PDB file of N, CA and C in Angstrom:
ATOM      1  N   MET A   1      35.762 105.216 120.495  1.00  0.00           N
ATOM      2  CA  MET A   1      34.670 104.946 119.586  1.00  0.00           C
ATOM      3  C   MET A   1      33.399 105.636 120.073  1.00  0.00           C
ATOM      4  N   LEU A   2      33.145 105.540 121.363  1.00  0.00           N
ATOM      5  CA  LEU A   2      31.921 106.104 121.921  1.00  0.00           C
ATOM      6  C   LEU A   2      31.867 107.626 121.769  1.00  0.00           C
ATOM      7  N   VAL A   3      33.005 108.279 121.851  1.00  0.00           N
ATOM      8  CA  VAL A   3      33.054 109.735 121.681  1.00  0.00           C
ATOM      9  C   VAL A   3      32.585 110.107 120.271  1.00  0.00           C
ATOM     10  N   TYR A   4      33.107 109.423 119.265  1.00  0.00           N
ATOM     11  CA  TYR A   4      32.719 109.726 117.888  1.00  0.00           C
ATOM     12  C   TYR A   4      31.276 109.298 117.608  1.00  0.00           C
ATOM     13  N   TRP A   5      30.833 108.239 118.247  1.00  0.00           N
ATOM     14  CA  TRP A   5      29.439 107.799 118.122  1.00  0.00           C
ATOM     15  C   TRP A   5      28.509 108.921 118.592  1.00  0.00           C
ATOM     16  N   ASN A   6      28.817 109.476 119.766  1.00  0.00           N
ATOM     17  CA  ASN A   6      27.992 110.551 120.324  1.00  0.00           C
ATOM     18  C   ASN A   6      28.107 111.842 119.513  1.00  0.00           C
ATOM     19  N   LYS A   7      29.295 112.128 118.990  1.00  0.00           N
ATOM     20  CA  LYS A   7      29.456 113.320 118.153  1.00  0.00           C
ATOM     21  C   LYS A   7      28.622 113.191 116.879  1.00  0.00           C
ATOM     22  N   TYR A   8      28.600 112.002 116.301  1.00  0.00           N
ATOM     23  CA  TYR A   8      27.801 111.782 115.095  1.00  0.00           C
ATOM     24  C   TYR A   8      26.315 111.950 115.406  1.00  0.00           C
ATOM     25  N   ALA A   9      25.881 111.423 116.554  1.00  0.00           N
ATOM     26  CA  ALA A   9      24.484 111.572 116.964  1.00  0.00           C
ATOM     27  C   ALA A   9      24.127 113.045 117.132  1.00  0.00           C
ATOM     28  N   GLN A  10      25.010 113.802 117.764  1.00  0.00           N
ATOM     29  CA  GLN A  10      24.754 115.234 117.958  1.00  0.00           C
ATOM     30  C   GLN A  10      24.702 115.956 116.623  1.00  0.00           C
ATOM     31  N   ARG A  11      25.589 115.582 115.728  1.00  0.00           N
ATOM     32  CA  ARG A  11      25.613 116.194 114.394  1.00  0.00           C
ATOM     33  C   ARG A  11      24.296 115.938 113.655  1.00  0.00           C
ATOM     34  N   LEU A  12      23.783 114.722 113.764  1.00  0.00           N
ATOM     35  CA  LEU A  12      22.499 114.412 113.136  1.00  0.00           C
ATOM     36  C   LEU A  12      21.370 115.218 113.772  1.00  0.00           C
ATOM     37  N   GLY A  13      21.402 115.333 115.100  1.00  0.00           N
ATOM     38  CA  GLY A  13      20.383 116.112 115.799  1.00  0.00           C
ATOM     39  C   GLY A  13      20.403 117.564 115.379  1.00  0.00           C
ATOM     40  N   ASP A  14      21.599 118.108 115.199  1.00  0.00           N
ATOM     41  CA  ASP A  14      21.730 119.502 114.769  1.00  0.00           C
ATOM     42  C   ASP A  14      21.186 119.708 113.361  1.00  0.00           C
ATOM     43  N   LYS A  15      21.251 118.664 112.547  1.00  0.00           N
ATOM     44  CA  LYS A  15      20.737 118.747 111.174  1.00  0.00           C
ATOM     45  C   LYS A  15      19.242 118.441 111.098  1.00  0.00           C
ATOM     46  N   GLY A  16      18.629 118.069 112.223  1.00  0.00           N
ATOM     47  CA  GLY A  16      17.201 117.809 112.247  1.00  0.00           C
ATOM     48  C   GLY A  16      16.812 116.342 112.156  1.00  0.00           C
ATOM     49  N   PHE A  17      17.774 115.447 112.152  1.00  0.00           N
ATOM     50  CA  PHE A  17      17.480 114.011 112.101  1.00  0.00           C
ATOM     51  C   PHE A  17      17.329 113.480 113.519  1.00  0.00           C
ATOM     52  N   LYS A  18      16.260 113.887 114.181  1.00  0.00           N
ATOM     53  CA  LYS A  18      16.060 113.577 115.595  1.00  0.00           C
ATOM     54  C   LYS A  18      15.809 112.091 115.851  1.00  0.00           C
ATOM     55  N   ILE A  19      15.133 111.413 114.936  1.00  0.00           N
ATOM     56  CA  ILE A  19      14.853 109.988 115.135  1.00  0.00           C
ATOM     57  C   ILE A  19      16.153 109.197 115.143  1.00  0.00           C
ATOM     58  N   MET A  20      17.003 109.448 114.161  1.00  0.00           N
ATOM     59  CA  MET A  20      18.277 108.736 114.104  1.00  0.00           C
ATOM     60  C   MET A  20      19.146 109.107 115.298  1.00  0.00           C
ATOM     61  N   GLU A  21      19.111 110.358 115.714  1.00  0.00           N
ATOM     62  CA  GLU A  21      19.873 110.772 116.893  1.00  0.00           C
ATOM     63  C   GLU A  21      19.416 109.982 118.116  1.00  0.00           C
ATOM     64  N   SER A  22      18.111 109.863 118.298  1.00  0.00           N
ATOM     65  CA  SER A  22      17.613 109.136 119.471  1.00  0.00           C
ATOM     66  C   SER A  22      17.936 107.648 119.396  1.00  0.00           C
ATOM     67  N   LEU A  23      17.945 107.077 118.187  1.00  0.00           N
ATOM     68  CA  LEU A  23      18.314 105.665 118.052  1.00  0.00           C
ATOM     69  C   LEU A  23      19.776 105.447 118.418  1.00  0.00           C
ATOM     70  N   LEU A  24      20.633 106.379 118.028  1.00  0.00           N
ATOM     71  CA  LEU A  24      22.047 106.251 118.362  1.00  0.00           C
ATOM     72  C   LEU A  24      22.294 106.391 119.861  1.00  0.00           C
ATOM     73  N   LEU A  25      21.456 107.180 120.523  1.00  0.00           N
ATOM     74  CA  LEU A  25      21.663 107.456 121.942  1.00  0.00           C
ATOM     75  C   LEU A  25      20.792 106.611 122.869  1.00  0.00           C
ATOM     76  N   ILE A  26      20.002 105.689 122.297  1.00  0.00           N
ATOM     77  CA  ILE A  26      19.075 104.903 123.113  1.00  0.00           C
ATOM     78  C   ILE A  26      19.814 104.076 124.162  1.00  0.00           C
ATOM     79  N   ASN A  27      20.983 103.601 123.817  1.00  0.00           N
ATOM     80  CA  ASN A  27      21.879 102.954 124.776  1.00  0.00           C
ATOM     81  C   ASN A  27      23.286 102.961 124.193  1.00  0.00           C
ATOM     82  N   ASP A  28      24.257 102.645 125.000  1.00  0.00           N
ATOM     83  CA  ASP A  28      25.636 102.670 124.523  1.00  0.00           C
ATOM     84  C   ASP A  28      25.930 101.415 123.708  1.00  0.00           C
ATOM     85  N   PRO A  29      26.555 101.585 122.551  1.00  0.00           N
ATOM     86  CA  PRO A  29      26.939 100.413 121.760  1.00  0.00           C
ATOM     87  C   PRO A  29      28.076  99.667 122.454  1.00  0.00           C
ATOM     88  N   LYS A  30      28.176  98.382 122.144  1.00  0.00           N
ATOM     89  CA  LYS A  30      29.242  97.569 122.721  1.00  0.00           C
ATOM     90  C   LYS A  30      30.271  97.275 121.644  1.00  0.00           C
ATOM     91  N   LEU A  31      31.529  97.417 121.997  1.00  0.00           N
ATOM     92  CA  LEU A  31      32.628  97.214 121.057  1.00  0.00           C
ATOM     93  C   LEU A  31      33.328  95.907 121.383  1.00  0.00           C
ATOM     94  N   ASP A  32      33.474  95.059 120.365  1.00  0.00           N
ATOM     95  CA  ASP A  32      34.196  93.796 120.509  1.00  0.00           C
ATOM     96  C   ASP A  32      35.158  93.692 119.330  1.00  0.00           C
ATOM     97  N   GLY A  33      36.392  94.098 119.544  1.00  0.00           N
ATOM     98  CA  GLY A  33      37.352  94.143 118.450  1.00  0.00           C
ATOM     99  C   GLY A  33      36.983  95.269 117.502  1.00  0.00           C
ATOM    100  N   THR A  34      36.630  94.910 116.268  1.00  0.00           N
ATOM    101  CA  THR A  34      36.189  95.923 115.309  1.00  0.00           C
ATOM    102  C   THR A  34      34.681  95.852 115.074  1.00  0.00           C
ATOM    103  N   ALA A  35      33.990  94.995 115.819  1.00  0.00           N
ATOM    104  CA  ALA A  35      32.536  94.844 115.669  1.00  0.00           C
ATOM    105  C   ALA A  35      31.814  95.660 116.742  1.00  0.00           C
ATOM    106  N   ILE A  36      30.933  96.520 116.285  1.00  0.00           N
ATOM    107  CA  ILE A  36      30.113  97.329 117.189  1.00  0.00           C
ATOM    108  C   ILE A  36      28.717  96.736 117.186  1.00  0.00           C
ATOM    109  N   THR A  37      28.165  96.506 118.372  1.00  0.00           N
ATOM    110  CA  THR A  37      26.814  95.957 118.490  1.00  0.00           C
ATOM    111  C   THR A  37      25.937  96.984 119.195  1.00  0.00           C
ATOM    112  N   ILE A  38      24.800  97.268 118.594  1.00  0.00           N
ATOM    113  CA  ILE A  38      23.830  98.196 119.180  1.00  0.00           C
ATOM    114  C   ILE A  38      22.501  97.461 119.334  1.00  0.00           C
ATOM    115  N   GLU A  39      21.876  97.624 120.484  1.00  0.00           N
ATOM    116  CA  GLU A  39      20.566  97.020 120.729  1.00  0.00           C
ATOM    117  C   GLU A  39      19.492  98.072 120.541  1.00  0.00           C
ATOM    118  N   LEU A  40      18.474  97.714 119.772  1.00  0.00           N
ATOM    119  CA  LEU A  40      17.340  98.609 119.539  1.00  0.00           C
ATOM    120  C   LEU A  40      16.063  97.922 120.012  1.00  0.00           C
ATOM    121  N   PRO A  41      15.036  98.709 120.357  1.00  0.00           N
ATOM    122  CA  PRO A  41      13.852  98.137 121.002  1.00  0.00           C
ATOM    123  C   PRO A  41      12.874  97.401 120.085  1.00  0.00           C
ATOM    124  N   ASN A  42      12.923  97.621 118.756  1.00  0.00           N
ATOM    125  CA  ASN A  42      11.960  96.934 117.893  1.00  0.00           C
ATOM    126  C   ASN A  42      12.448  96.912 116.442  1.00  0.00           C
ATOM    127  N   GLU A  43      11.736  96.168 115.617  1.00  0.00           N
ATOM    128  CA  GLU A  43      12.118  96.010 114.206  1.00  0.00           C
ATOM    129  C   GLU A  43      12.043  97.327 113.440  1.00  0.00           C
ATOM    130  N   GLY A  44      11.062  98.155 113.763  1.00  0.00           N
ATOM    131  CA  GLY A  44      10.924  99.446 113.089  1.00  0.00           C
ATOM    132  C   GLY A  44      12.142 100.326 113.330  1.00  0.00           C
ATOM    133  N   SER A  45      12.611 100.329 114.565  1.00  0.00           N
ATOM    134  CA  SER A  45      13.813 101.089 114.891  1.00  0.00           C
ATOM    135  C   SER A  45      15.011 100.536 114.134  1.00  0.00           C
ATOM    136  N   LYS A  46      15.066  99.218 114.025  1.00  0.00           N
ATOM    137  CA  LYS A  46      16.175  98.588 113.311  1.00  0.00           C
ATOM    138  C   LYS A  46      16.176  99.014 111.842  1.00  0.00           C
ATOM    139  N   LEU A  47      14.998  99.032 111.224  1.00  0.00           N
ATOM    140  CA  LEU A  47      14.899  99.441 109.819  1.00  0.00           C
ATOM    141  C   LEU A  47      15.321 100.894 109.635  1.00  0.00           C
ATOM    142  N   ASP A  48      14.861 101.776 110.524  1.00  0.00           N
ATOM    143  CA  ASP A  48      15.255 103.189 110.461  1.00  0.00           C
ATOM    144  C   ASP A  48      16.767 103.337 110.623  1.00  0.00           C
ATOM    145  N   PHE A  49      17.325 102.600 111.578  1.00  0.00           N
ATOM    146  CA  PHE A  49      18.751 102.677 111.844  1.00  0.00           C
ATOM    147  C   PHE A  49      19.552 102.182 110.644  1.00  0.00           C
ATOM    148  N   GLU A  50      19.151 101.038 110.101  1.00  0.00           N
ATOM    149  CA  GLU A  50      19.892 100.456 108.981  1.00  0.00           C
ATOM    150  C   GLU A  50      19.820 101.314 107.726  1.00  0.00           C
ATOM    151  N   SER A  51      18.767 102.121 107.587  1.00  0.00           N
ATOM    152  CA  SER A  51      18.674 102.992 106.412  1.00  0.00           C
ATOM    153  C   SER A  51      19.730 104.101 106.453  1.00  0.00           C
ATOM    154  N   GLN A  52      20.236 104.418 107.624  1.00  0.00           N
ATOM    155  CA  GLN A  52      21.244 105.469 107.795  1.00  0.00           C
ATOM    156  C   GLN A  52      22.615 104.907 108.178  1.00  0.00           C
ATOM    157  N   LEU A  53      22.759 103.600 108.095  1.00  0.00           N
ATOM    158  CA  LEU A  53      23.960 102.929 108.572  1.00  0.00           C
ATOM    159  C   LEU A  53      25.221 103.306 107.799  1.00  0.00           C
ATOM    160  N   HIS A  54      25.116 103.502 106.495  1.00  0.00           N
ATOM    161  CA  HIS A  54      26.304 103.780 105.689  1.00  0.00           C
ATOM    162  C   HIS A  54      26.978 105.093 106.082  1.00  0.00           C
ATOM    163  N   GLY A  55      26.191 106.109 106.388  1.00  0.00           N
ATOM    164  CA  GLY A  55      26.767 107.384 106.812  1.00  0.00           C
ATOM    165  C   GLY A  55      27.516 107.250 108.127  1.00  0.00           C
ATOM    166  N   LEU A  56      26.924 106.521 109.061  1.00  0.00           N
ATOM    167  CA  LEU A  56      27.569 106.302 110.355  1.00  0.00           C
ATOM    168  C   LEU A  56      28.854 105.506 110.192  1.00  0.00           C
ATOM    169  N   LEU A  57      28.805 104.448 109.405  1.00  0.00           N
ATOM    170  CA  LEU A  57      29.998 103.629 109.181  1.00  0.00           C
ATOM    171  C   LEU A  57      31.126 104.448 108.555  1.00  0.00           C
ATOM    172  N   GLY A  58      30.797 105.241 107.550  1.00  0.00           N
ATOM    173  CA  GLY A  58      31.801 106.088 106.907  1.00  0.00           C
ATOM    174  C   GLY A  58      32.422 107.062 107.886  1.00  0.00           C
ATOM    175  N   TYR A  59      31.589 107.666 108.722  1.00  0.00           N
ATOM    176  CA  TYR A  59      32.067 108.628 109.720  1.00  0.00           C
ATOM    177  C   TYR A  59      33.014 107.952 110.709  1.00  0.00           C
ATOM    178  N   LEU A  60      32.590 106.804 111.249  1.00  0.00           N
ATOM    179  CA  LEU A  60      33.420 106.108 112.233  1.00  0.00           C
ATOM    180  C   LEU A  60      34.714 105.588 111.626  1.00  0.00           C
ATOM    181  N   LYS A  61      34.623 105.016 110.430  1.00  0.00           N
ATOM    182  CA  LYS A  61      35.827 104.485 109.783  1.00  0.00           C
ATOM    183  C   LYS A  61      36.839 105.595 109.529  1.00  0.00           C
ATOM    184  N   GLY A  62      36.358 106.758 109.103  1.00  0.00           N
ATOM    185  CA  GLY A  62      37.250 107.878 108.830  1.00  0.00           C
ATOM    186  C   GLY A  62      37.873 108.457 110.079  1.00  0.00           C
ATOM    187  N   HIS A  63      37.074 108.672 111.111  1.00  0.00           N
ATOM    188  CA  HIS A  63      37.589 109.308 112.321  1.00  0.00           C
ATOM    189  C   HIS A  63      38.407 108.355 113.187  1.00  0.00           C
ATOM    190  N   LEU A  64      38.099 107.065 113.125  1.00  0.00           N
ATOM    191  CA  LEU A  64      38.845 106.102 113.933  1.00  0.00           C
ATOM    192  C   LEU A  64      40.009 105.475 113.160  1.00  0.00           C
ATOM    193  N   HIS A  65      40.115 105.838 111.874  1.00  0.00           N
ATOM    194  CA  HIS A  65      41.184 105.317 111.010  1.00  0.00           C
ATOM    195  C   HIS A  65      41.221 103.793 111.019  1.00  0.00           C
ATOM    196  N   ASN A  66      40.030 103.194 110.905  1.00  0.00           N
ATOM    197  CA  ASN A  66      39.922 101.737 110.905  1.00  0.00           C
ATOM    198  C   ASN A  66      38.803 101.353 109.932  1.00  0.00           C
ATOM    199  N   HIS A  67      39.188 100.752 108.815  1.00  0.00           N
ATOM    200  CA  HIS A  67      38.195 100.411 107.800  1.00  0.00           C
ATOM    201  C   HIS A  67      37.645  99.002 107.950  1.00  0.00           C
ATOM    202  N   ASP A  68      37.949  98.340 109.061  1.00  0.00           N
ATOM    203  CA  ASP A  68      37.428  97.001 109.330  1.00  0.00           C
ATOM    204  C   ASP A  68      36.199  97.040 110.231  1.00  0.00           C
ATOM    205  N   ILE A  69      35.750  98.214 110.610  1.00  0.00           N
ATOM    206  CA  ILE A  69      34.626  98.353 111.536  1.00  0.00           C
ATOM    207  C   ILE A  69      33.342  97.828 110.905  1.00  0.00           C
ATOM    208  N   THR A  70      32.584  97.060 111.684  1.00  0.00           N
ATOM    209  CA  THR A  70      31.254  96.610 111.280  1.00  0.00           C
ATOM    210  C   THR A  70      30.273  96.960 112.397  1.00  0.00           C
ATOM    211  N   ILE A  71      29.018  97.109 112.029  1.00  0.00           N
ATOM    212  CA  ILE A  71      27.989  97.408 113.020  1.00  0.00           C
ATOM    213  C   ILE A  71      26.910  96.341 112.918  1.00  0.00           C
ATOM    214  N   ASN A  72      26.629  95.703 114.048  1.00  0.00           N
ATOM    215  CA  ASN A  72      25.570  94.703 114.131  1.00  0.00           C
ATOM    216  C   ASN A  72      24.411  95.294 114.923  1.00  0.00           C
ATOM    217  N   VAL A  73      23.203  95.106 114.406  1.00  0.00           N
ATOM    218  CA  VAL A  73      22.015  95.622 115.068  1.00  0.00           C
ATOM    219  C   VAL A  73      21.235  94.447 115.642  1.00  0.00           C
ATOM    220  N   VAL A  74      20.960  94.509 116.938  1.00  0.00           N
ATOM    221  CA  VAL A  74      20.226  93.452 117.619  1.00  0.00           C
ATOM    222  C   VAL A  74      18.917  94.045 118.139  1.00  0.00           C
ATOM    223  N   VAL A  75      17.816  93.354 117.875  1.00  0.00           N
ATOM    224  CA  VAL A  75      16.521  93.806 118.386  1.00  0.00           C
ATOM    225  C   VAL A  75      16.300  93.146 119.742  1.00  0.00           C
ATOM    226  N   ASN A  76      16.104  93.970 120.753  1.00  0.00           N
ATOM    227  CA  ASN A  76      15.855  93.491 122.103  1.00  0.00           C
ATOM    228  C   ASN A  76      14.613  94.207 122.604  1.00  0.00           C
ATOM    229  N   GLU A  77      13.496  93.532 122.519  1.00  0.00           N
ATOM    230  CA  GLU A  77      12.223  94.185 122.862  1.00  0.00           C
ATOM    231  C   GLU A  77      12.024  94.343 124.359  1.00  0.00           C
ATOM    232  N   THR A  78      12.991  93.900 125.155  1.00  0.00           N
ATOM    233  CA  THR A  78      12.881  94.082 126.599  1.00  0.00           C
ATOM    234  C   THR A  78      13.575  95.349 127.070  1.00  0.00           C
ATOM    235  N   ILE A  79      14.178  96.116 126.142  1.00  0.00           N
ATOM    236  CA  ILE A  79      14.794  97.394 126.521  1.00  0.00           C
ATOM    237  C   ILE A  79      13.704  98.314 127.045  1.00  0.00           C
ATOM    238  N   GLU A  80      13.945  98.856 128.215  1.00  0.00           N
ATOM    239  CA  GLU A  80      12.972  99.777 128.796  1.00  0.00           C
ATOM    240  C   GLU A  80      13.522 101.188 128.682  1.00  0.00           C
ATOM    241  N   THR A  81      12.707 102.063 128.131  1.00  0.00           N
ATOM    242  CA  THR A  81      13.105 103.459 128.078  1.00  0.00           C
ATOM    243  C   THR A  81      12.412 104.191 129.218  1.00  0.00           C
ATOM    244  N   LYS A  82      13.114 105.164 129.781  1.00  0.00           N
ATOM    245  CA  LYS A  82      12.527 105.934 130.864  1.00  0.00           C
ATOM    246  C   LYS A  82      11.558 106.949 130.279  1.00  0.00           C
ATOM    247  N   ARG A  83      10.328 106.842 130.692  1.00  0.00           N
ATOM    248  CA  ARG A  83       9.324 107.793 130.224  1.00  0.00           C
ATOM    249  C   ARG A  83       8.596 108.377 131.415  1.00  0.00           C
ATOM    250  N   SER A  84       8.257 109.622 131.303  1.00  0.00           N
ATOM    251  CA  SER A  84       7.486 110.286 132.346  1.00  0.00           C
ATOM    252  C   SER A  84       6.009 110.136 132.017  1.00  0.00           C
ATOM    253  N   PHE A  85       5.230 109.742 133.005  1.00  0.00           N
ATOM    254  CA  PHE A  85       3.826 109.455 132.735  1.00  0.00           C
ATOM    255  C   PHE A  85       2.875 110.542 133.217  1.00  0.00           C
ATOM    256  N   ASN A  86       3.219 111.268 134.247  1.00  0.00           N
ATOM    257  CA  ASN A  86       2.328 112.331 134.698  1.00  0.00           C
ATOM    258  C   ASN A  86       3.134 113.603 134.947  1.00  0.00           C
ATOM    259  N   ASP A  87       2.436 114.658 135.330  1.00  0.00           N
ATOM    260  CA  ASP A  87       3.099 115.951 135.514  1.00  0.00           C
ATOM    261  C   ASP A  87       4.181 115.897 136.591  1.00  0.00           C
ATOM    262  N   GLN A  88       3.906 115.191 137.687  1.00  0.00           N
ATOM    263  CA  GLN A  88       4.894 115.106 138.769  1.00  0.00           C
ATOM    264  C   GLN A  88       6.154 114.372 138.301  1.00  0.00           C
ATOM    265  N   ASP A  89       5.988 113.296 137.532  1.00  0.00           N
ATOM    266  CA  ASP A  89       7.138 112.560 137.002  1.00  0.00           C
ATOM    267  C   ASP A  89       7.954 113.436 136.057  1.00  0.00           C
ATOM    268  N   ARG A  90       7.268 114.172 135.199  1.00  0.00           N
ATOM    269  CA  ARG A  90       7.961 115.069 134.269  1.00  0.00           C
ATOM    270  C   ARG A  90       8.719 116.148 135.032  1.00  0.00           C
ATOM    271  N   TYR A  91       8.072 116.712 136.044  1.00  0.00           N
ATOM    272  CA  TYR A  91       8.709 117.745 136.850  1.00  0.00           C
ATOM    273  C   TYR A  91       9.947 117.197 137.555  1.00  0.00           C
ATOM    274  N   ASN A  92       9.833 116.012 138.137  1.00  0.00           N
ATOM    275  CA  ASN A  92      10.974 115.404 138.826  1.00  0.00           C
ATOM    276  C   ASN A  92      12.126 115.155 137.863  1.00  0.00           C
ATOM    277  N   ARG A  93      11.812 114.742 136.646  1.00  0.00           N
ATOM    278  CA  ARG A  93      12.855 114.511 135.643  1.00  0.00           C
ATOM    279  C   ARG A  93      13.539 115.833 135.267  1.00  0.00           C
ATOM    280  N   LEU A  94      12.760 116.886 135.046  1.00  0.00           N
ATOM    281  CA  LEU A  94      13.330 118.192 134.734  1.00  0.00           C
ATOM    282  C   LEU A  94      14.158 118.725 135.908  1.00  0.00           C
ATOM    283  N   LEU A  95      13.707 118.448 137.119  1.00  0.00           N
ATOM    284  CA  LEU A  95      14.428 118.874 138.313  1.00  0.00           C
ATOM    285  C   LEU A  95      15.786 118.180 138.413  1.00  0.00           C
ATOM    286  N   GLN A  96      15.847 116.912 137.990  1.00  0.00           N
ATOM    287  CA  GLN A  96      17.126 116.202 137.960  1.00  0.00           C
ATOM    288  C   GLN A  96      18.075 116.859 136.963  1.00  0.00           C
ATOM    289  N   ILE A  97      17.543 117.258 135.835  1.00  0.00           N
ATOM    290  CA  ILE A  97      18.362 117.857 134.794  1.00  0.00           C
ATOM    291  C   ILE A  97      18.830 119.253 135.200  1.00  0.00           C
ATOM    292  N   ASN A  98      17.901 120.037 135.764  1.00  0.00           N
ATOM    293  CA  ASN A  98      18.232 121.413 136.121  1.00  0.00           C
ATOM    294  C   ASN A  98      17.560 121.768 137.448  1.00  0.00           C
ATOM    295  N   PRO A  99      18.306 121.772 138.550  1.00  0.00           N
ATOM    296  CA  PRO A  99      17.730 122.081 139.861  1.00  0.00           C
ATOM    297  C   PRO A  99      17.153 123.490 139.978  1.00  0.00           C
ATOM    298  N   ASN A 100      17.504 124.391 139.064  1.00  0.00           N
ATOM    299  CA  ASN A 100      16.976 125.756 139.108  1.00  0.00           C
ATOM    300  C   ASN A 100      15.484 125.808 138.782  1.00  0.00           C
ATOM    301  N   ILE A 101      14.922 124.717 138.303  1.00  0.00           N
ATOM    302  CA  ILE A 101      13.483 124.647 138.021  1.00  0.00           C
ATOM    303  C   ILE A 101      12.686 124.905 139.301  1.00  0.00           C
ATOM    304  N   GLU A 102      13.179 124.391 140.418  1.00  0.00           N
ATOM    305  CA  GLU A 102      12.477 124.597 141.693  1.00  0.00           C
ATOM    306  C   GLU A 102      12.434 126.078 142.051  1.00  0.00           C
ATOM    307  N   LEU A 103      13.518 126.796 141.829  1.00  0.00           N
ATOM    308  CA  LEU A 103      13.564 128.236 142.080  1.00  0.00           C
ATOM    309  C   LEU A 103      12.544 128.953 141.198  1.00  0.00           C
ATOM    310  N   LEU A 104      12.474 128.567 139.952  1.00  0.00           N
ATOM    311  CA  LEU A 104      11.505 129.157 139.027  1.00  0.00           C
ATOM    312  C   LEU A 104      10.068 128.904 139.498  1.00  0.00           C
ATOM    313  N   ARG A 105       9.802 127.663 139.909  1.00  0.00           N
ATOM    314  CA  ARG A 105       8.453 127.302 140.350  1.00  0.00           C
ATOM    315  C   ARG A 105       8.040 128.099 141.597  1.00  0.00           C
ATOM    316  N   THR A 106       8.958 128.223 142.569  1.00  0.00           N
ATOM    317  CA  THR A 106       8.612 128.944 143.799  1.00  0.00           C
ATOM    318  C   THR A 106       8.543 130.448 143.580  1.00  0.00           C
ATOM    319  N   THR A 107       9.405 130.981 142.732  1.00  0.00           N
ATOM    320  CA  THR A 107       9.411 132.428 142.471  1.00  0.00           C
ATOM    321  C   THR A 107       8.105 132.886 141.856  1.00  0.00           C
ATOM    322  N   PHE A 108       7.582 132.107 140.936  1.00  0.00           N
ATOM    323  CA  PHE A 108       6.345 132.492 140.257  1.00  0.00           C
ATOM    324  C   PHE A 108       5.099 131.819 140.835  1.00  0.00           C
ATOM    325  N   GLY A 109       5.277 131.071 141.907  1.00  0.00           N
ATOM    326  CA  GLY A 109       4.126 130.431 142.559  1.00  0.00           C
ATOM    327  C   GLY A 109       3.423 129.429 141.657  1.00  0.00           C
ATOM    328  N   LEU A 110       4.182 128.704 140.880  1.00  0.00           N
ATOM    329  CA  LEU A 110       3.605 127.742 139.938  1.00  0.00           C
ATOM    330  C   LEU A 110       3.198 126.463 140.673  1.00  0.00           C
ATOM    331  N   ASP A 111       2.153 125.824 140.152  1.00  0.00           N
ATOM    332  CA  ASP A 111       1.635 124.604 140.760  1.00  0.00           C
ATOM    333  C   ASP A 111       1.549 123.516 139.712  1.00  0.00           C
ATOM    334  N   LEU A 112       1.829 122.307 140.074  1.00  0.00           N
ATOM    335  CA  LEU A 112       1.805 121.204 139.135  1.00  0.00           C
ATOM    336  C   LEU A 112       0.390 120.681 138.865  1.00  0.00           C
ATOM    337  N   ASP A 113      -0.565 121.014 139.719  1.00  0.00           N
ATOM    338  CA  ASP A 113      -1.921 120.486 139.580  1.00  0.00           C
ATOM    339  C   ASP A 113      -2.772 121.234 138.571  1.00  0.00           C
ATOM    340  N   ALA A 114      -2.291 122.328 138.053  1.00  0.00           N
ATOM    341  CA  ALA A 114      -3.102 123.167 137.173  1.00  0.00           C
ATOM    342  C   ALA A 114      -3.366 122.541 135.869  1.00  0.00           C
TER     343      ALA A 114
END
């Protein structure tokens, strides 16, 4: 289920639906039988998600060959998203993603304080 969930999110991102893509990827959904539960950080996110719910349900039902699938949306305002607050935090996050950033910074003599 999670593979198709992520493929659907990527497909939406490729089509330019970045908000829905980020909502799908905000955390991993939990599967209990045929019920999928996703936690979102606020009511606004829930409304955005539910407006696109039918497309996701159709995609999952078709690819998983299970028409009993349901999706429950739970608002959990204690979900913390990782955000970078200053240049050093952003740099460290990019360095985690791609260690070659350090090579680029040293090769061109770049400084984070600029």
